[in-house]
């Protein structure tokens, strides 16, 4: 049974950026759950690692990543070596991890599902000093992902535009 949960939100996630709506849903759904919870927001790249690590050390049973695959990767890295579970509310552009794990893609449904979590062990890969939880890319894929991080627009269009441009470069 969960006693303490930490939600970590990447405030610049996905296509329809509405962190306030997600915080409202979390409060509405979890306020009478009997579970102590807190909602934190990342402030910069890699901040999720630090927040997740601190949440695990302070006794959170589950840390929930609210964002896309990049956010999940950061939060997961912060939980490596702990017994704290990783929860996910998909809010990214592609949500590949959530799709692969059959997590509801509708955020409100994902929040509700976390009240009765189903725990699964997942494989974790490591390249040099970096861990990954869903996929790892190299070459053109890595270039596209890196460039996508610097683009304000979200969704499949920037991936496509960057991919075509870099392919012909």
C-alpha atoms as a PDB file:
ATOM      1  CA  UNK A   1       0.000   0.000   0.000  1.00  0.00           C
ATOM      2  CA  UNK A   2       1.241   3.446  -0.898  1.00  0.00           C
ATOM      3  CA  UNK A   3       1.955   5.858   1.938  1.00  0.00           C
ATOM      4  CA  UNK A   4       3.783   8.665   0.152  1.00  0.00           C
ATOM      5  CA  UNK A   5       3.855   9.647  -3.526  1.00  0.00           C
ATOM      6  CA  UNK A   6       5.771  12.421  -5.260  1.00  0.00           C
ATOM      7  CA  UNK A   7       4.568  13.756  -8.608  1.00  0.00           C
ATOM      8  CA  UNK A   8       7.276  15.497 -10.643  1.00  0.00           C
ATOM      9  CA  UNK A   9       6.013  17.606 -13.524  1.00  0.00           C
ATOM     10  CA  UNK A  10       8.034  18.846 -16.461  1.00  0.00           C
ATOM     11  CA  UNK A  11       6.166  22.154 -17.017  1.00  0.00           C
ATOM     12  CA  UNK A  12       7.149  22.376 -20.702  1.00  0.00           C
ATOM     13  CA  UNK A  13       5.917  18.932 -21.714  1.00  0.00           C
ATOM     14  CA  UNK A  14       4.177  17.843 -24.882  1.00  0.00           C
ATOM     15  CA  UNK A  15       1.774  19.427 -27.315  1.00  0.00           C
ATOM     16  CA  UNK A  16      -1.048  20.667 -25.083  1.00  0.00           C
ATOM     17  CA  UNK A  17       0.927  22.225 -22.268  1.00  0.00           C
ATOM     18  CA  UNK A  18      -1.383  22.484 -19.280  1.00  0.00           C
ATOM     19  CA  UNK A  19       0.465  21.658 -16.063  1.00  0.00           C
ATOM     20  CA  UNK A  20      -2.162  23.545 -14.027  1.00  0.00           C
ATOM     21  CA  UNK A  21      -4.906  21.243 -15.316  1.00  0.00           C
ATOM     22  CA  UNK A  22      -2.888  18.153 -14.404  1.00  0.00           C
ATOM     23  CA  UNK A  23      -2.141  19.516 -10.915  1.00  0.00           C
ATOM     24  CA  UNK A  24      -5.879  20.169 -10.478  1.00  0.00           C
ATOM     25  CA  UNK A  25      -6.693  16.583 -11.529  1.00  0.00           C
ATOM     26  CA  UNK A  26      -4.036  15.177  -9.189  1.00  0.00           C
ATOM     27  CA  UNK A  27      -5.445  17.166  -6.267  1.00  0.00           C
ATOM     28  CA  UNK A  28      -9.037  16.309  -7.142  1.00  0.00           C
ATOM     29  CA  UNK A  29      -8.347  12.574  -7.502  1.00  0.00           C
ATOM     30  CA  UNK A  30      -5.773  12.085  -4.718  1.00  0.00           C
ATOM     31  CA  UNK A  31      -7.021  14.456  -1.982  1.00  0.00           C
ATOM     32  CA  UNK A  32      -9.191  11.790  -0.309  1.00  0.00           C
ATOM     33  CA  UNK A  33      -6.930   8.834  -1.095  1.00  0.00           C
ATOM     34  CA  UNK A  34      -5.366   8.615   2.354  1.00  0.00           C
ATOM     35  CA  UNK A  35      -1.959   8.823   0.683  1.00  0.00           C
ATOM     36  CA  UNK A  36       0.436  11.668   1.450  1.00  0.00           C
ATOM     37  CA  UNK A  37       1.476  13.274  -1.826  1.00  0.00           C
ATOM     38  CA  UNK A  38       3.343  16.273  -3.125  1.00  0.00           C
ATOM     39  CA  UNK A  39       3.626  17.881  -6.544  1.00  0.00           C
ATOM     40  CA  UNK A  40       6.959  19.299  -7.698  1.00  0.00           C
ATOM     41  CA  UNK A  41       8.004  20.946 -10.968  1.00  0.00           C
ATOM     42  CA  UNK A  42      11.326  20.663 -12.723  1.00  0.00           C
ATOM     43  CA  UNK A  43      13.136  23.925 -13.327  1.00  0.00           C
ATOM     44  CA  UNK A  44      15.919  22.941 -15.683  1.00  0.00           C
ATOM     45  CA  UNK A  45      17.446  20.012 -17.535  1.00  0.00           C
ATOM     46  CA  UNK A  46      18.429  17.130 -15.214  1.00  0.00           C
ATOM     47  CA  UNK A  47      16.461  18.658 -12.329  1.00  0.00           C
ATOM     48  CA  UNK A  48      14.155  15.623 -12.424  1.00  0.00           C
ATOM     49  CA  UNK A  49      17.078  13.367 -11.485  1.00  0.00           C
ATOM     50  CA  UNK A  50      17.764  15.436  -8.375  1.00  0.00           C
ATOM     51  CA  UNK A  51      14.090  15.735  -7.382  1.00  0.00           C
ATOM     52  CA  UNK A  52      13.481  11.993  -7.828  1.00  0.00           C
ATOM     53  CA  UNK A  53      16.613  11.059  -5.881  1.00  0.00           C
ATOM     54  CA  UNK A  54      15.566  13.348  -3.012  1.00  0.00           C
ATOM     55  CA  UNK A  55      12.001  11.982  -3.049  1.00  0.00           C
ATOM     56  CA  UNK A  56      13.289   8.406  -2.829  1.00  0.00           C
ATOM     57  CA  UNK A  57      15.614   9.328   0.044  1.00  0.00           C
ATOM     58  CA  UNK A  58      12.751  11.055   1.884  1.00  0.00           C
ATOM     59  CA  UNK A  59      10.597   7.926   1.805  1.00  0.00           C
ATOM     60  CA  UNK A  60       8.369   8.234  -1.252  1.00  0.00           C
ATOM     61  CA  UNK A  61       6.978   4.833  -2.210  1.00  0.00           C
ATOM     62  CA  UNK A  62       6.405   6.009  -5.766  1.00  0.00           C
ATOM     63  CA  UNK A  63       7.670   8.928  -7.828  1.00  0.00           C
ATOM     64  CA  UNK A  64       5.448   9.811 -10.756  1.00  0.00           C
ATOM     65  CA  UNK A  65       6.947  11.350 -13.884  1.00  0.00           C
ATOM     66  CA  UNK A  66       4.520  13.778 -15.539  1.00  0.00           C
ATOM     67  CA  UNK A  67       5.820  14.503 -19.022  1.00  0.00           C
ATOM     68  CA  UNK A  68       7.214  12.679 -21.991  1.00  0.00           C
ATOM     69  CA  UNK A  69       9.857  10.032 -22.479  1.00  0.00           C
ATOM     70  CA  UNK A  70      12.648  12.480 -21.628  1.00  0.00           C
ATOM     71  CA  UNK A  71      11.026  13.315 -18.312  1.00  0.00           C
ATOM     72  CA  UNK A  72      10.499   9.624 -17.562  1.00  0.00           C
ATOM     73  CA  UNK A  73      14.171   9.004 -18.317  1.00  0.00           C
ATOM     74  CA  UNK A  74      15.279  11.754 -15.920  1.00  0.00           C
ATOM     75  CA  UNK A  75      13.006  10.642 -13.093  1.00  0.00           C
ATOM     76  CA  UNK A  76      13.988   7.014 -13.627  1.00  0.00           C
ATOM     77  CA  UNK A  77      17.678   7.879 -13.449  1.00  0.00           C
ATOM     78  CA  UNK A  78      17.062   9.513 -10.086  1.00  0.00           C
ATOM     79  CA  UNK A  79      15.455   6.307  -8.807  1.00  0.00           C
ATOM     80  CA  UNK A  80      18.243   3.922  -9.860  1.00  0.00           C
ATOM     81  CA  UNK A  81      19.430   1.989  -6.810  1.00  0.00           C
ATOM     82  CA  UNK A  82      16.345   2.758  -4.719  1.00  0.00           C
ATOM     83  CA  UNK A  83      13.270   0.667  -3.938  1.00  0.00           C
ATOM     84  CA  UNK A  84      10.981   3.509  -5.038  1.00  0.00           C
ATOM     85  CA  UNK A  85       8.535   2.733  -7.850  1.00  0.00           C
ATOM     86  CA  UNK A  86       8.326   4.827 -11.015  1.00  0.00           C
ATOM     87  CA  UNK A  87       4.833   5.942 -11.990  1.00  0.00           C
ATOM     88  CA  UNK A  88       3.930   7.690 -15.244  1.00  0.00           C
ATOM     89  CA  UNK A  89       1.374  10.238 -16.363  1.00  0.00           C
ATOM     90  CA  UNK A  90       2.012  10.544 -20.109  1.00  0.00           C
ATOM     91  CA  UNK A  91       2.153  14.164 -21.226  1.00  0.00           C
ATOM     92  CA  UNK A  92       4.765  14.175 -23.969  1.00  0.00           C
ATOM     93  CA  UNK A  93       4.824  14.350 -27.735  1.00  0.00           C
ATOM     94  CA  UNK A  94       5.112  10.631 -28.410  1.00  0.00           C
ATOM     95  CA  UNK A  95       4.691   8.868 -25.062  1.00  0.00           C
ATOM     96  CA  UNK A  96       6.497   5.750 -26.287  1.00  0.00           C
ATOM     97  CA  UNK A  97       7.190   4.409 -22.792  1.00  0.00           C
ATOM     98  CA  UNK A  98       3.543   4.760 -21.745  1.00  0.00           C
ATOM     99  CA  UNK A  99       2.378   3.074 -24.949  1.00  0.00           C
ATOM    100  CA  UNK A 100       4.787   0.170 -24.423  1.00  0.00           C
ATOM    101  CA  UNK A 101       3.674  -0.264 -20.797  1.00  0.00           C
ATOM    102  CA  UNK A 102      -0.075   0.012 -21.581  1.00  0.00           C
ATOM    103  CA  UNK A 103      -0.450   3.094 -19.392  1.00  0.00           C
ATOM    104  CA  UNK A 104      -3.604   5.070 -20.229  1.00  0.00           C
ATOM    105  CA  UNK A 105      -2.685   7.921 -22.572  1.00  0.00           C
ATOM    106  CA  UNK A 106      -5.491  10.108 -21.242  1.00  0.00           C
ATOM    107  CA  UNK A 107      -3.887  11.924 -18.349  1.00  0.00           C
ATOM    108  CA  UNK A 108      -6.903  11.857 -16.038  1.00  0.00           C
ATOM    109  CA  UNK A 109      -7.239   8.086 -16.499  1.00  0.00           C
ATOM    110  CA  UNK A 110      -3.519   7.621 -15.815  1.00  0.00           C
ATOM    111  CA  UNK A 111      -3.836   9.648 -12.593  1.00  0.00           C
ATOM    112  CA  UNK A 112      -6.786   7.503 -11.487  1.00  0.00           C
ATOM    113  CA  UNK A 113      -4.951   4.280 -12.379  1.00  0.00           C
ATOM    114  CA  UNK A 114      -2.082   5.247 -10.067  1.00  0.00           C
ATOM    115  CA  UNK A 115      -4.418   4.975  -7.058  1.00  0.00           C
ATOM    116  CA  UNK A 116      -4.272   1.194  -7.555  1.00  0.00           C
ATOM    117  CA  UNK A 117      -0.896   0.749  -9.214  1.00  0.00           C
ATOM    118  CA  UNK A 118       0.166  -2.424 -10.940  1.00  0.00           C
ATOM    119  CA  UNK A 119       3.888  -2.835 -10.400  1.00  0.00           C
ATOM    120  CA  UNK A 120       6.129  -4.325 -13.088  1.00  0.00           C
ATOM    121  CA  UNK A 121       9.867  -4.798 -13.175  1.00  0.00           C
ATOM    122  CA  UNK A 122      11.434  -3.193 -16.228  1.00  0.00           C
ATOM    123  CA  UNK A 123      14.803  -3.555 -17.855  1.00  0.00           C
ATOM    124  CA  UNK A 124      17.241  -0.686 -17.597  1.00  0.00           C
ATOM    125  CA  UNK A 125      20.051  -0.204 -20.075  1.00  0.00           C
ATOM    126  CA  UNK A 126      23.264   1.707 -19.570  1.00  0.00           C
ATOM    127  CA  UNK A 127      25.541   3.345 -22.107  1.00  0.00           C
ATOM    128  CA  UNK A 128      28.701   4.773 -20.555  1.00  0.00           C
ATOM    129  CA  UNK A 129      27.323   6.596 -17.495  1.00  0.00           C
ATOM    130  CA  UNK A 130      23.778   7.129 -18.802  1.00  0.00           C
ATOM    131  CA  UNK A 131      20.793   4.880 -18.111  1.00  0.00           C
ATOM    132  CA  UNK A 132      17.799   4.445 -20.395  1.00  0.00           C
ATOM    133  CA  UNK A 133      14.400   2.858 -19.892  1.00  0.00           C
ATOM    134  CA  UNK A 134      12.638   2.660 -23.221  1.00  0.00           C
ATOM    135  CA  UNK A 135      14.863   3.145 -26.222  1.00  0.00           C
ATOM    136  CA  UNK A 136      18.340   4.385 -26.977  1.00  0.00           C
ATOM    137  CA  UNK A 137      19.372   5.928 -30.240  1.00  0.00           C
ATOM    138  CA  UNK A 138      22.572   6.668 -32.090  1.00  0.00           C
ATOM    139  CA  UNK A 139      23.492   8.525 -35.233  1.00  0.00           C
ATOM    140  CA  UNK A 140      20.657  10.381 -36.959  1.00  0.00           C
ATOM    141  CA  UNK A 141      18.152   9.383 -34.270  1.00  0.00           C
ATOM    142  CA  UNK A 142      20.331  10.900 -31.545  1.00  0.00           C
ATOM    143  CA  UNK A 143      20.866  14.087 -33.574  1.00  0.00           C
ATOM    144  CA  UNK A 144      17.107  14.492 -34.121  1.00  0.00           C
ATOM    145  CA  UNK A 145      16.329  13.915 -30.438  1.00  0.00           C
ATOM    146  CA  UNK A 146      19.000  16.365 -29.338  1.00  0.00           C
ATOM    147  CA  UNK A 147      17.772  19.047 -31.743  1.00  0.00           C
ATOM    148  CA  UNK A 148      14.138  18.437 -30.755  1.00  0.00           C
ATOM    149  CA  UNK A 149      15.015  19.350 -27.162  1.00  0.00           C
ATOM    150  CA  UNK A 150      15.876  22.870 -28.341  1.00  0.00           C
ATOM    151  CA  UNK A 151      12.626  23.445 -30.250  1.00  0.00           C
ATOM    152  CA  UNK A 152       9.659  25.105 -28.533  1.00  0.00           C
ATOM    153  CA  UNK A 153       7.014  23.484 -30.751  1.00  0.00           C
ATOM    154  CA  UNK A 154       6.029  19.939 -29.753  1.00  0.00           C
ATOM    155  CA  UNK A 155       4.405  17.030 -31.557  1.00  0.00           C
ATOM    156  CA  UNK A 156       5.367  14.982 -34.615  1.00  0.00           C
ATOM    157  CA  UNK A 157       5.875  17.936 -37.012  1.00  0.00           C
ATOM    158  CA  UNK A 158       9.181  19.174 -35.533  1.00  0.00           C
ATOM    159  CA  UNK A 159      10.520  15.603 -35.472  1.00  0.00           C
ATOM    160  CA  UNK A 160       9.662  15.240 -39.145  1.00  0.00           C
ATOM    161  CA  UNK A 161      11.105  18.629 -40.181  1.00  0.00           C
ATOM    162  CA  UNK A 162      14.330  18.099 -38.240  1.00  0.00           C
ATOM    163  CA  UNK A 163      14.618  14.531 -39.542  1.00  0.00           C
ATOM    164  CA  UNK A 164      14.237  15.496 -43.200  1.00  0.00           C
ATOM    165  CA  UNK A 165      16.608  18.445 -42.846  1.00  0.00           C
ATOM    166  CA  UNK A 166      19.293  16.397 -41.090  1.00  0.00           C
ATOM    167  CA  UNK A 167      18.918  13.434 -43.434  1.00  0.00           C
ATOM    168  CA  UNK A 168      19.832  15.608 -46.417  1.00  0.00           C
ATOM    169  CA  UNK A 169      22.619  17.437 -44.614  1.00  0.00           C
END
